[in-house]
N, C-alpha and C. Protein backbone atom coordinates (compact mmCIF):
# COMPACT_ATOMS: atom_id res chain seq x y z
N UNK A 1 3.17 1.12 11.39
CA UNK A 1 3.71 1.41 12.43
C UNK A 1 5.31 1.35 12.11
N UNK A 2 6.06 0.87 10.85
CA UNK A 2 7.13 1.50 10.87
C UNK A 2 7.34 2.65 10.47
N UNK A 3 6.50 3.45 9.68
CA UNK A 3 6.65 5.04 9.35
C UNK A 3 6.62 5.86 10.67
N UNK A 4 5.57 5.17 11.63
CA UNK A 4 5.68 6.05 13.08
C UNK A 4 6.91 5.80 13.62
N UNK A 5 7.46 4.73 13.60
CA UNK A 5 8.69 4.45 14.31
C UNK A 5 10.00 5.41 13.81
N UNK A 6 10.27 5.17 11.93
CA UNK A 6 10.98 6.27 11.70
C UNK A 6 10.75 7.60 11.80
N UNK A 7 9.51 8.00 11.96
CA UNK A 7 8.88 9.32 12.31
C UNK A 7 9.52 9.77 13.75
N UNK A 8 9.34 9.05 14.79
CA UNK A 8 9.61 9.03 16.07
C UNK A 8 11.11 9.38 16.12
N UNK A 9 12.04 8.58 15.47
CA UNK A 9 13.34 8.53 15.26
C UNK A 9 13.75 10.09 14.57
N UNK A 10 13.29 10.25 13.65
CA UNK A 10 13.62 11.63 13.15
C UNK A 10 13.44 12.61 14.06
N UNK A 11 12.24 12.61 14.83
CA UNK A 11 11.84 13.65 15.38
C UNK A 11 12.68 13.78 16.80
N UNK A 12 13.21 12.70 17.51
CA UNK A 12 13.76 12.78 18.46
C UNK A 12 15.33 12.26 18.45
N UNK A 13 15.78 12.40 17.45
CA UNK A 13 17.19 12.06 16.99
C UNK A 13 18.23 12.73 17.84
N UNK A 14 18.03 14.16 17.92
CA UNK A 14 18.64 14.83 18.84
C UNK A 14 18.67 14.53 20.27
N UNK A 15 17.57 14.05 20.98
CA UNK A 15 17.60 13.67 22.04
C UNK A 15 17.93 12.21 22.38
N UNK A 16 17.88 11.60 21.60
CA UNK A 16 18.61 10.15 21.67
C UNK A 16 20.11 10.06 21.57
N UNK A 17 20.64 10.99 20.73
CA UNK A 17 21.93 10.93 20.36
C UNK A 17 22.61 12.34 20.41
N UNK A 18 22.73 12.72 21.76
CA UNK A 18 22.90 14.11 21.96
C UNK A 18 24.35 14.34 21.67
N UNK A 19 25.33 13.55 21.55
CA UNK A 19 26.60 13.77 20.98
C UNK A 19 26.48 14.36 19.38
N UNK A 20 25.71 13.88 18.94
CA UNK A 20 25.40 14.13 17.23
C UNK A 20 24.29 15.05 16.91
N UNK A 21 24.55 16.19 17.40
CA UNK A 21 23.56 17.30 17.11
C UNK A 21 23.47 17.71 15.62
N UNK A 22 24.57 17.76 15.25
CA UNK A 22 24.85 18.38 13.72
C UNK A 22 24.32 17.52 12.77
N UNK A 23 24.09 16.27 13.05
CA UNK A 23 23.18 14.90 12.24
C UNK A 23 21.94 15.35 12.16
N UNK A 24 21.23 15.80 12.97
CA UNK A 24 19.98 15.91 12.74
C UNK A 24 19.05 16.18 11.75
N UNK A 25 19.84 17.12 10.97
CA UNK A 25 19.32 17.57 9.46
C UNK A 25 19.45 16.58 8.45
N UNK A 26 20.66 15.58 8.42
CA UNK A 26 20.83 14.73 7.57
C UNK A 26 19.71 13.59 7.99
N UNK A 27 19.58 13.25 9.16
CA UNK A 27 18.48 12.35 9.56
C UNK A 27 17.08 12.74 8.54
N UNK A 28 16.75 13.96 8.74
CA UNK A 28 15.59 14.47 8.29
C UNK A 28 15.63 14.26 6.58
N UNK A 29 16.61 14.45 5.94
CA UNK A 29 16.73 14.19 4.54
C UNK A 29 16.78 12.71 4.12
N UNK A 30 17.28 11.83 4.72
CA UNK A 30 17.59 10.62 4.75
C UNK A 30 16.31 9.89 5.02
N UNK A 31 15.58 10.24 6.26
CA UNK A 31 14.11 9.38 6.41
C UNK A 31 13.11 10.01 6.01
N UNK A 32 13.13 11.29 5.50
CA UNK A 32 11.99 12.22 4.81
C UNK A 32 11.25 11.19 3.86
N UNK A 33 11.75 11.07 2.66
CA UNK A 33 11.27 9.88 1.48
C UNK A 33 10.65 8.73 2.09
N UNK A 34 11.56 7.87 2.67
CA UNK A 34 11.17 6.62 3.21
C UNK A 34 9.68 6.77 4.05
N UNK A 35 9.64 7.66 5.09
CA UNK A 35 8.57 8.04 6.13
C UNK A 35 7.31 8.15 5.14
N UNK A 36 7.50 9.44 4.29
CA UNK A 36 6.41 9.74 3.53
C UNK A 36 5.84 8.59 2.56
N UNK A 37 6.89 7.80 1.95
CA UNK A 37 6.25 6.70 1.18
C UNK A 37 5.45 5.62 1.85
N UNK A 38 6.25 5.33 3.42
CA UNK A 38 5.36 4.65 4.25
C UNK A 38 4.00 5.01 4.43
N UNK A 39 3.88 6.31 4.74
CA UNK A 39 2.49 6.85 5.26
C UNK A 39 1.71 6.90 4.06
N UNK A 40 2.11 7.15 2.83
CA UNK A 40 1.32 7.33 1.51
C UNK A 40 0.94 5.98 1.38
N UNK A 41 1.74 4.92 1.34
CA UNK A 41 1.47 3.35 1.08
C UNK A 41 0.29 3.07 2.03
N UNK A 42 0.68 3.26 3.28
CA UNK A 42 -0.53 2.89 4.28
C UNK A 42 -1.79 3.57 4.11
N UNK A 43 -1.59 4.76 3.98
CA UNK A 43 -3.14 5.58 3.79
C UNK A 43 -3.76 5.01 2.56
N UNK A 44 -3.04 4.74 1.29
CA UNK A 44 -3.76 4.08 -0.12
C UNK A 44 -4.30 2.82 0.37
N UNK A 45 -3.64 2.08 1.22
CA UNK A 45 -4.10 0.66 1.48
C UNK A 45 -5.43 0.78 2.38
N UNK A 46 -5.42 1.41 3.41
CA UNK A 46 -6.57 1.89 4.34
C UNK A 46 -7.95 2.26 3.49
N UNK A 47 -7.48 3.25 2.56
CA UNK A 47 -8.45 3.70 1.78
C UNK A 47 -9.03 2.82 0.82
N UNK A 48 -8.33 1.92 0.19
CA UNK A 48 -8.76 0.97 -0.62
C UNK A 48 -9.96 -0.02 0.17
N UNK A 49 -9.16 -0.14 1.24
CA UNK A 49 -9.59 -1.50 2.19
C UNK A 49 -11.17 -0.97 2.82
N UNK A 50 -11.04 0.33 3.19
CA UNK A 50 -12.36 1.08 4.02
C UNK A 50 -13.16 1.96 3.21
N UNK A 51 -12.74 2.57 2.12
CA UNK A 51 -13.17 3.71 1.58
C UNK A 51 -13.37 4.96 2.38
N UNK A 52 -12.88 5.10 3.26
CA UNK A 52 -13.03 6.05 4.36
C UNK A 52 -11.84 6.98 4.64
N UNK A 53 -11.85 8.21 4.68
CA UNK A 53 -10.36 8.81 5.11
C UNK A 53 -10.72 8.82 6.53
N UNK A 54 -11.77 9.24 7.31
CA UNK A 54 -12.15 9.16 8.68
C UNK A 54 -11.23 7.86 9.15
N UNK A 55 -11.64 6.91 8.80
CA UNK A 55 -11.16 5.43 9.24
C UNK A 55 -9.41 5.68 9.30
N UNK A 56 -8.71 6.12 8.11
CA UNK A 56 -7.46 5.94 8.12
C UNK A 56 -7.10 7.13 9.07
N UNK A 57 -7.59 8.13 9.07
CA UNK A 57 -6.95 8.95 10.05
C UNK A 57 -7.02 8.66 11.39
N UNK A 58 -7.94 7.83 11.69
CA UNK A 58 -8.03 7.43 13.19
C UNK A 58 -7.08 6.20 13.52
N UNK A 59 -7.00 5.38 12.39
CA UNK A 59 -6.14 4.25 12.70
C UNK A 59 -4.72 4.84 12.85
N UNK A 60 -4.37 5.82 11.97
CA UNK A 60 -3.08 6.43 11.81
C UNK A 60 -2.76 6.89 13.62
N UNK A 61 -3.60 7.47 13.82
CA UNK A 61 -3.62 8.36 15.12
C UNK A 61 -3.64 7.15 16.18
N UNK A 62 -4.52 6.19 16.59
CA UNK A 62 -4.46 5.37 17.20
C UNK A 62 -3.01 4.55 17.19
N UNK A 63 -2.77 3.90 16.16
CA UNK A 63 -1.64 3.28 16.02
C UNK A 63 -0.21 3.86 16.40
N UNK A 64 -0.08 5.10 16.03
CA UNK A 64 0.67 6.16 16.34
C UNK A 64 1.31 6.31 17.82
N UNK A 65 -0.12 6.46 18.55
CA UNK A 65 -0.21 6.38 19.93
C UNK A 65 0.01 5.21 20.89
N UNK A 66 -0.09 4.24 20.29
CA UNK A 66 0.34 3.10 20.64
C UNK A 66 1.59 2.63 20.81
N UNK A 67 2.38 3.21 19.63
CA UNK A 67 3.81 3.02 19.36
C UNK A 67 4.41 4.00 20.05
N UNK A 68 3.79 5.29 20.46
CA UNK A 68 4.89 6.24 20.91
C UNK A 68 5.28 5.68 22.42
N UNK A 69 4.44 5.54 23.36
CA UNK A 69 5.19 5.12 24.66
C UNK A 69 5.96 3.78 24.39
N UNK A 70 6.05 3.03 23.82
CA UNK A 70 6.86 2.22 23.72
C UNK A 70 8.30 2.77 23.17
N UNK A 71 8.28 3.49 21.97
CA UNK A 71 9.40 4.00 21.65
C UNK A 71 10.06 5.12 22.63
N UNK A 72 9.02 5.88 23.33
CA UNK A 72 9.74 6.90 24.28
C UNK A 72 10.42 5.99 25.41
N UNK A 73 10.20 5.12 25.80
CA UNK A 73 10.42 4.08 26.84
C UNK A 73 11.89 3.58 26.77
N UNK A 74 12.09 2.80 25.43
CA UNK A 74 13.28 2.32 24.99
C UNK A 74 14.06 3.15 24.52
N UNK A 75 14.10 4.30 23.81
CA UNK A 75 14.77 5.44 23.12
C UNK A 75 15.02 6.70 24.01
N UNK A 76 14.21 7.01 24.95
CA UNK A 76 14.34 8.60 25.71
C UNK A 76 14.31 7.83 27.44
N UNK A 77 13.99 6.48 27.74
CA UNK A 77 13.91 6.41 29.03
C UNK A 77 12.85 6.80 30.04
N UNK A 78 11.96 7.41 28.99
CA UNK A 78 10.70 7.96 29.58
C UNK A 78 9.60 6.91 29.95
N UNK A 79 9.11 6.92 31.30
CA UNK A 79 8.28 5.85 31.57
C UNK A 79 6.71 5.92 31.06
N UNK A 80 6.25 4.95 30.30
CA UNK A 80 4.84 5.13 29.93
C UNK A 80 4.00 4.69 31.35
N UNK A 81 4.66 4.25 32.20
CA UNK A 81 3.73 3.53 33.24
C UNK A 81 2.92 4.83 33.90
N UNK A 82 2.24 5.48 33.42
CA UNK A 82 1.60 6.66 34.12
C UNK A 82 0.03 6.32 33.87
N UNK A 83 -0.87 6.78 34.70
CA UNK A 83 -2.05 6.76 34.62
C UNK A 83 -2.66 7.45 33.30
N UNK A 84 -2.08 8.56 33.08
CA UNK A 84 -2.34 9.19 31.86
C UNK A 84 -2.09 8.53 30.67
N UNK A 85 -0.85 7.62 30.51
CA UNK A 85 -0.50 7.04 29.40
C UNK A 85 -1.43 5.72 29.24
N UNK A 86 -1.82 4.97 30.38
CA UNK A 86 -2.71 3.91 30.42
C UNK A 86 -4.10 4.30 29.89
N UNK A 87 -4.44 5.38 30.05
CA UNK A 87 -5.83 5.80 29.55
C UNK A 87 -5.78 6.15 28.22
N UNK A 88 -4.61 6.97 27.78
CA UNK A 88 -4.69 7.35 26.24
C UNK A 88 -4.46 6.06 25.51
N UNK A 89 -3.49 5.33 26.05
CA UNK A 89 -3.37 3.94 24.98
C UNK A 89 -4.81 3.06 25.30
N UNK A 90 -5.49 3.17 26.34
CA UNK A 90 -6.68 2.15 26.16
C UNK A 90 -7.49 3.10 25.28
N UNK A 91 -7.76 4.33 25.18
CA UNK A 91 -8.57 5.16 24.27
C UNK A 91 -8.22 4.98 22.83
N UNK A 92 -6.92 4.70 22.69
CA UNK A 92 -6.35 4.55 21.18
C UNK A 92 -6.66 3.21 20.87
N UNK A 93 -6.65 2.24 21.84
CA UNK A 93 -7.56 1.03 21.22
C UNK A 93 -8.80 0.89 20.98
N UNK A 94 -9.42 1.66 21.70
CA UNK A 94 -10.86 1.94 21.66
C UNK A 94 -11.15 2.10 20.18
N UNK A 95 -10.66 3.69 19.97
CA UNK A 95 -10.63 4.22 18.51
C UNK A 95 -10.29 3.32 17.52
N UNK A 96 -9.22 2.43 17.53
CA UNK A 96 -8.71 1.22 16.59
C UNK A 96 -9.97 0.46 16.11
N UNK A 97 -10.39 -0.10 17.45
CA UNK A 97 -11.48 -1.30 17.62
C UNK A 97 -12.76 -0.55 16.74
N UNK A 98 -13.31 0.72 17.36
CA UNK A 98 -14.23 1.27 16.74
C UNK A 98 -14.28 1.30 14.87
N UNK A 99 -12.92 1.90 14.58
CA UNK A 99 -12.85 2.22 13.10
C UNK A 99 -12.75 0.62 12.25
N UNK A 100 -12.21 -0.31 12.97
CA UNK A 100 -12.02 -1.36 12.39
C UNK A 100 -13.18 -2.46 12.43
N UNK A 101 -14.10 -2.43 13.44
CA UNK A 101 -15.32 -3.23 13.53
C UNK A 101 -16.50 -2.47 13.14
N UNK A 102 -16.66 -1.44 13.29
CA UNK A 102 -17.97 -0.74 13.00
C UNK A 102 -17.89 -0.47 11.60
């Protein structure tokens, strides 16, 4: 979740801080290694626990899709309160439960 949050900030920095467009490339340099490390650490942990790349992939997808509406709401003032978002978040939760429980 931390990796997804930092990746969101990295990708949307120029939209969050419109007065600091020139810093977006520095943000990539500063956050790139920590994000990669967090994703690698998480991937290794899930692979060791489940022995399945598919489980890791779907968990990454599901968790990132749950985080995105919250982050978009707080940082970009985009409303997550739409039918499309509700259905997508619900399906992400279903994907996570399927990968975790089956």
